[in-house]
Every structure is written in structure tokens, then in C-alpha cells.
PDB file of N, CA and C in Angstrom:
ATOM      1  N   UNK A   1      86.133  93.770 103.222  1.00  0.00           N
ATOM      2  CA  UNK A   1      85.184  94.154 104.242  1.00  0.00           C
ATOM      3  C   UNK A   1      85.269  93.197 105.416  1.00  0.00           C
ATOM      4  N   UNK A   2      85.530  93.702 106.586  1.00  0.00           N
ATOM      5  CA  UNK A   2      85.590  92.869 107.775  1.00  0.00           C
ATOM      6  C   UNK A   2      84.162  92.652 108.268  1.00  0.00           C
ATOM      7  N   UNK A   3      83.793  91.391 108.466  1.00  0.00           N
ATOM      8  CA  UNK A   3      82.411  91.098 108.844  1.00  0.00           C
ATOM      9  C   UNK A   3      82.100  91.516 110.266  1.00  0.00           C
ATOM     10  N   UNK A   4      80.851  91.864 110.492  1.00  0.00           N
ATOM     11  CA  UNK A   4      80.400  92.212 111.831  1.00  0.00           C
ATOM     12  C   UNK A   4      79.844  91.017 112.567  1.00  0.00           C
ATOM     13  N   UNK A   5      79.383  90.023 111.804  1.00  0.00           N
ATOM     14  CA  UNK A   5      78.795  88.835 112.411  1.00  0.00           C
ATOM     15  C   UNK A   5      79.273  87.595 111.674  1.00  0.00           C
ATOM     16  N   UNK A   6      79.087  86.451 112.317  1.00  0.00           N
ATOM     17  CA  UNK A   6      79.427  85.197 111.668  1.00  0.00           C
ATOM     18  C   UNK A   6      78.614  85.018 110.392  1.00  0.00           C
ATOM     19  N   UNK A   7      77.358  85.411 110.432  1.00  0.00           N
ATOM     20  CA  UNK A   7      76.480  85.281 109.270  1.00  0.00           C
ATOM     21  C   UNK A   7      77.020  86.076 108.076  1.00  0.00           C
ATOM     22  N   UNK A   8      77.501  87.275 108.335  1.00  0.00           N
ATOM     23  CA  UNK A   8      78.086  88.088 107.258  1.00  0.00           C
ATOM     24  C   UNK A   8      79.341  87.420 106.710  1.00  0.00           C
ATOM     25  N   UNK A   9      80.172  86.885 107.596  1.00  0.00           N
ATOM     26  CA  UNK A   9      81.388  86.197 107.164  1.00  0.00           C
ATOM     27  C   UNK A   9      81.030  84.978 106.315  1.00  0.00           C
ATOM     28  N   UNK A  10      80.043  84.219 106.756  1.00  0.00           N
ATOM     29  CA  UNK A  10      79.612  83.040 106.015  1.00  0.00           C
ATOM     30  C   UNK A  10      79.164  83.426 104.605  1.00  0.00           C
ATOM     31  N   UNK A  11      78.402  84.497 104.504  1.00  0.00           N
ATOM     32  CA  UNK A  11      77.914  84.956 103.206  1.00  0.00           C
ATOM     33  C   UNK A  11      79.071  85.338 102.293  1.00  0.00           C
ATOM     34  N   UNK A  12      80.054  86.025 102.824  1.00  0.00           N
ATOM     35  CA  UNK A  12      81.201  86.444 102.017  1.00  0.00           C
ATOM     36  C   UNK A  12      82.041  85.238 101.564  1.00  0.00           C
ATOM     37  N   UNK A  13      82.248  84.277 102.465  1.00  0.00           N
ATOM     38  CA  UNK A  13      82.999  83.073 102.097  1.00  0.00           C
ATOM     39  C   UNK A  13      82.229  82.278 101.051  1.00  0.00           C
ATOM     40  N   UNK A  14      80.926  82.193 101.209  1.00  0.00           N
ATOM     41  CA  UNK A  14      80.098  81.494 100.226  1.00  0.00           C
ATOM     42  C   UNK A  14      80.234  82.153  98.850  1.00  0.00           C
ATOM     43  N   UNK A  15      80.279  83.477  98.822  1.00  0.00           N
ATOM     44  CA  UNK A  15      80.450  84.202  97.569  1.00  0.00           C
ATOM     45  C   UNK A  15      81.802  83.870  96.925  1.00  0.00           C
ATOM     46  N   UNK A  16      82.861  83.781  97.736  1.00  0.00           N
ATOM     47  CA  UNK A  16      84.178  83.415  97.205  1.00  0.00           C
ATOM     48  C   UNK A  16      84.161  82.005  96.615  1.00  0.00           C
ATOM     49  N   UNK A  17      83.505  81.085  97.298  1.00  0.00           N
ATOM     50  CA  UNK A  17      83.416  79.701  96.811  1.00  0.00           C
ATOM     51  C   UNK A  17      82.641  79.654  95.492  1.00  0.00           C
ATOM     52  N   UNK A  18      81.543  80.372  95.424  1.00  0.00           N
ATOM     53  CA  UNK A  18      80.747  80.399  94.197  1.00  0.00           C
ATOM     54  C   UNK A  18      81.544  80.994  93.040  1.00  0.00           C
ATOM     55  N   UNK A  19      82.311  82.029  93.319  1.00  0.00           N
ATOM     56  CA  UNK A  19      83.154  82.641  92.291  1.00  0.00           C
ATOM     57  C   UNK A  19      84.154  81.619  91.764  1.00  0.00           C
ATOM     58  N   UNK A  20      84.768  80.871  92.665  1.00  0.00           N
ATOM     59  CA  UNK A  20      85.716  79.842  92.253  1.00  0.00           C
ATOM     60  C   UNK A  20      85.026  78.777  91.401  1.00  0.00           C
ATOM     61  N   UNK A  21      83.883  78.320  91.832  1.00  0.00           N
ATOM     62  CA  UNK A  21      83.181  77.250  91.129  1.00  0.00           C
ATOM     63  C   UNK A  21      82.780  77.654  89.710  1.00  0.00           C
ATOM     64  N   UNK A  22      82.406  78.913  89.520  1.00  0.00           N
ATOM     65  CA  UNK A  22      81.968  79.376  88.205  1.00  0.00           C
ATOM     66  C   UNK A  22      83.086  79.346  87.171  1.00  0.00           C
ATOM     67  N   UNK A  23      84.307  79.584  87.609  1.00  0.00           N
ATOM     68  CA  UNK A  23      85.431  79.631  86.667  1.00  0.00           C
ATOM     69  C   UNK A  23      86.566  78.722  87.123  1.00  0.00           C
ATOM     70  N   UNK A  24      86.194  77.574  87.640  1.00  0.00           N
ATOM     71  CA  UNK A  24      87.156  76.627  88.186  1.00  0.00           C
ATOM     72  C   UNK A  24      88.251  76.240  87.188  1.00  0.00           C
ATOM     73  N   UNK A  25      87.905  76.020  85.933  1.00  0.00           N
ATOM     74  CA  UNK A  25      88.899  75.626  84.932  1.00  0.00           C
ATOM     75  C   UNK A  25      89.999  76.679  84.810  1.00  0.00           C
ATOM     76  N   UNK A  26      89.617  77.940  84.837  1.00  0.00           N
ATOM     77  CA  UNK A  26      90.612  79.015  84.761  1.00  0.00           C
ATOM     78  C   UNK A  26      91.546  78.975  85.969  1.00  0.00           C
ATOM     79  N   UNK A  27      90.972  78.819  87.153  1.00  0.00           N
ATOM     80  CA  UNK A  27      91.780  78.830  88.366  1.00  0.00           C
ATOM     81  C   UNK A  27      92.701  77.620  88.479  1.00  0.00           C
ATOM     82  N   UNK A  28      92.340  76.529  87.843  1.00  0.00           N
ATOM     83  CA  UNK A  28      93.155  75.315  87.895  1.00  0.00           C
ATOM     84  C   UNK A  28      94.148  75.222  86.739  1.00  0.00           C
ATOM     85  N   UNK A  29      94.120  76.173  85.825  1.00  0.00           N
ATOM     86  CA  UNK A  29      95.032  76.139  84.678  1.00  0.00           C
ATOM     87  C   UNK A  29      96.434  76.572  85.098  1.00  0.00           C
ATOM     88  N   UNK A  30      97.439  76.121  84.364  1.00  0.00           N
ATOM     89  CA  UNK A  30      98.825  76.507  84.661  1.00  0.00           C
ATOM     90  C   UNK A  30      99.065  78.020  84.527  1.00  0.00           C
ATOM     91  N   UNK A  31      98.212  78.710  83.781  1.00  0.00           N
ATOM     92  CA  UNK A  31      98.386  80.147  83.592  1.00  0.00           C
ATOM     93  C   UNK A  31      97.989  80.956  84.823  1.00  0.00           C
ATOM     94  N   UNK A  32      97.211  80.362  85.689  1.00  0.00           N
ATOM     95  CA  UNK A  32      96.760  81.052  86.894  1.00  0.00           C
ATOM     96  C   UNK A  32      97.870  80.960  87.941  1.00  0.00           C
ATOM     97  N   UNK A  33      98.378  82.087  88.377  1.00  0.00           N
ATOM     98  CA  UNK A  33      99.545  82.141  89.246  1.00  0.00           C
ATOM     99  C   UNK A  33      99.186  82.110  90.733  1.00  0.00           C
ATOM    100  N   UNK A  34     100.129  81.639  91.516  1.00  0.00           N
ATOM    101  CA  UNK A  34      99.942  81.564  92.963  1.00  0.00           C
ATOM    102  C   UNK A  34      99.630  82.935  93.571  1.00  0.00           C
ATOM    103  N   UNK A  35     100.279  83.954  93.082  1.00  0.00           N
ATOM    104  CA  UNK A  35     100.027  85.304  93.611  1.00  0.00           C
ATOM    105  C   UNK A  35      98.575  85.711  93.398  1.00  0.00           C
ATOM    106  N   UNK A  36      97.992  85.285  92.282  1.00  0.00           N
ATOM    107  CA  UNK A  36      96.586  85.591  92.017  1.00  0.00           C
ATOM    108  C   UNK A  36      95.675  84.886  93.028  1.00  0.00           C
ATOM    109  N   UNK A  37      96.036  83.666  93.396  1.00  0.00           N
ATOM    110  CA  UNK A  37      95.259  82.923  94.392  1.00  0.00           C
ATOM    111  C   UNK A  37      95.253  83.692  95.705  1.00  0.00           C
ATOM    112  N   UNK A  38      96.435  84.157  96.104  1.00  0.00           N
ATOM    113  CA  UNK A  38      96.524  84.911  97.360  1.00  0.00           C
ATOM    114  C   UNK A  38      95.657  86.155  97.306  1.00  0.00           C
ATOM    115  N   UNK A  39      95.711  86.883  96.207  1.00  0.00           N
ATOM    116  CA  UNK A  39      94.962  88.132  96.086  1.00  0.00           C
ATOM    117  C   UNK A  39      93.460  87.904  96.006  1.00  0.00           C
ATOM    118  N   UNK A  40      93.034  86.938  95.204  1.00  0.00           N
ATOM    119  CA  UNK A  40      91.614  86.761  94.936  1.00  0.00           C
ATOM    120  C   UNK A  40      90.877  85.923  95.974  1.00  0.00           C
ATOM    121  N   UNK A  41      91.573  84.996  96.614  1.00  0.00           N
ATOM    122  CA  UNK A  41      90.873  84.077  97.504  1.00  0.00           C
ATOM    123  C   UNK A  41      91.405  84.038  98.928  1.00  0.00           C
ATOM    124  N   UNK A  42      92.668  83.777  99.098  1.00  0.00           N
ATOM    125  CA  UNK A  42      93.182  83.577 100.452  1.00  0.00           C
ATOM    126  C   UNK A  42      93.028  84.815 101.321  1.00  0.00           C
ATOM    127  N   UNK A  43      93.298  85.973 100.777  1.00  0.00           N
ATOM    128  CA  UNK A  43      93.131  87.205 101.547  1.00  0.00           C
ATOM    129  C   UNK A  43      91.663  87.379 101.949  1.00  0.00           C
ATOM    130  N   UNK A  44      90.762  87.067 101.050  1.00  0.00           N
ATOM    131  CA  UNK A  44      89.335  87.179 101.340  1.00  0.00           C
ATOM    132  C   UNK A  44      88.883  86.213 102.419  1.00  0.00           C
ATOM    133  N   UNK A  45      89.358  84.966 102.330  1.00  0.00           N
ATOM    134  CA  UNK A  45      89.003  83.986 103.356  1.00  0.00           C
ATOM    135  C   UNK A  45      89.537  84.429 104.715  1.00  0.00           C
ATOM    136  N   UNK A  46      90.800  84.858 104.742  1.00  0.00           N
ATOM    137  CA  UNK A  46      91.406  85.288 105.998  1.00  0.00           C
ATOM    138  C   UNK A  46      90.646  86.483 106.590  1.00  0.00           C
ATOM    139  N   UNK A  47      90.314  87.430 105.743  1.00  0.00           N
ATOM    140  CA  UNK A  47      89.609  88.629 106.212  1.00  0.00           C
ATOM    141  C   UNK A  47      88.250  88.280 106.813  1.00  0.00           C
ATOM    142  N   UNK A  48      87.589  87.293 106.241  1.00  0.00           N
ATOM    143  CA  UNK A  48      86.256  86.922 106.715  1.00  0.00           C
ATOM    144  C   UNK A  48      86.297  86.007 107.930  1.00  0.00           C
ATOM    145  N   UNK A  49      87.245  85.089 107.952  1.00  0.00           N
ATOM    146  CA  UNK A  49      87.230  84.071 109.003  1.00  0.00           C
ATOM    147  C   UNK A  49      87.961  84.459 110.275  1.00  0.00           C
ATOM    148  N   UNK A  50      89.063  85.168 110.184  1.00  0.00           N
ATOM    149  CA  UNK A  50      89.836  85.459 111.383  1.00  0.00           C
ATOM    150  C   UNK A  50      89.070  86.269 112.427  1.00  0.00           C
ATOM    151  N   UNK A  51      88.351  87.319 112.058  1.00  0.00           N
ATOM    152  CA  UNK A  51      87.604  88.037 113.104  1.00  0.00           C
ATOM    153  C   UNK A  51      86.597  87.135 113.815  1.00  0.00           C
ATOM    154  N   UNK A  52      85.943  86.267 113.073  1.00  0.00           N
ATOM    155  CA  UNK A  52      84.967  85.355 113.673  1.00  0.00           C
ATOM    156  C   UNK A  52      85.654  84.361 114.602  1.00  0.00           C
ATOM    157  N   UNK A  53      86.785  83.819 114.165  1.00  0.00           N
ATOM    158  CA  UNK A  53      87.506  82.867 115.012  1.00  0.00           C
ATOM    159  C   UNK A  53      88.049  83.543 116.258  1.00  0.00           C
ATOM    160  N   UNK A  54      88.580  84.752 116.109  1.00  0.00           N
ATOM    161  CA  UNK A  54      89.077  85.472 117.279  1.00  0.00           C
ATOM    162  C   UNK A  54      87.962  85.718 118.281  1.00  0.00           C
ATOM    163  N   UNK A  55      86.785  86.074 117.798  1.00  0.00           N
ATOM    164  CA  UNK A  55      85.640  86.289 118.687  1.00  0.00           C
ATOM    165  C   UNK A  55      85.282  85.009 119.429  1.00  0.00           C
ATOM    166  N   UNK A  56      85.271  83.902 118.725  1.00  0.00           N
ATOM    167  CA  UNK A  56      84.948  82.614 119.345  1.00  0.00           C
ATOM    168  C   UNK A  56      85.978  82.277 120.414  1.00  0.00           C
ATOM    169  N   UNK A  57      87.268  82.435 120.084  1.00  0.00           N
ATOM    170  CA  UNK A  57      88.315  82.104 121.053  1.00  0.00           C
ATOM    171  C   UNK A  57      88.248  83.001 122.297  1.00  0.00           C
ATOM    172  N   UNK A  58      87.949  84.268 122.091  1.00  0.00           N
ATOM    173  CA  UNK A  58      87.808  85.169 123.236  1.00  0.00           C
ATOM    174  C   UNK A  58      86.639  84.748 124.120  1.00  0.00           C
ATOM    175  N   UNK A  59      85.565  84.325 123.502  1.00  0.00           N
ATOM    176  CA  UNK A  59      84.379  83.922 124.270  1.00  0.00           C
ATOM    177  C   UNK A  59      84.632  82.669 125.101  1.00  0.00           C
ATOM    178  N   UNK A  60      85.469  81.768 124.591  1.00  0.00           N
ATOM    179  CA  UNK A  60      85.725  80.558 125.361  1.00  0.00           C
ATOM    180  C   UNK A  60      86.952  80.706 126.264  1.00  0.00           C
ATOM    181  N   UNK A  61      87.595  81.883 126.185  1.00  0.00           N
ATOM    182  CA  UNK A  61      88.673  82.182 127.127  1.00  0.00           C
ATOM    183  C   UNK A  61      90.050  81.686 126.747  1.00  0.00           C
ATOM    184  N   UNK A  62      90.264  81.291 125.511  1.00  0.00           N
ATOM    185  CA  UNK A  62      91.572  80.776 125.114  1.00  0.00           C
ATOM    186  C   UNK A  62      92.546  81.887 124.701  1.00  0.00           C
ATOM    187  N   UNK A  63      92.060  83.053 124.403  1.00  0.00           N
ATOM    188  CA  UNK A  63      92.918  84.166 124.019  1.00  0.00           C
ATOM    189  C   UNK A  63      92.633  85.312 124.968  1.00  0.00           C
ATOM    190  N   UNK A  64      93.668  85.894 125.489  1.00  0.00           N
ATOM    191  CA  UNK A  64      93.476  87.008 126.422  1.00  0.00           C
ATOM    192  C   UNK A  64      94.052  88.270 125.863  1.00  0.00           C
TER     193      UNK A  64
END
């Protein structure tokens, strides 16, 4: 889900962090693969943060 506001993005990122914290041992085990990290976390962080960052950069005039 692409966030509409920074607040929505923050909430989604917070949810990803909480998910990681609850099962941290599993995510840090050798059985947990890099591809899983990309699917479960990195894609989610990117989806939530990039729209917000792009909006900020447009507002300050660094991206045209």
C-alpha cells in the first residue's frame, strides 16, 4: 500500500519494525534467506518511504 501521508508511512514502517522485533531470532538465523528479507522488509520500507521522500524533495525544489 502506497501511503497518502507521512503519518501513514510512519505507521506502516512502525508495523514492519514491530514485526521484526517479535520474531527477531528467526530473522537473524542462518535459515532466513536474503531473498526473504527483500520480500518481507526492504520492499515494504521502500514502498512506504520513497513516496514521502519524493514529496519532500519536490517541496524543497531538489527534484524537477
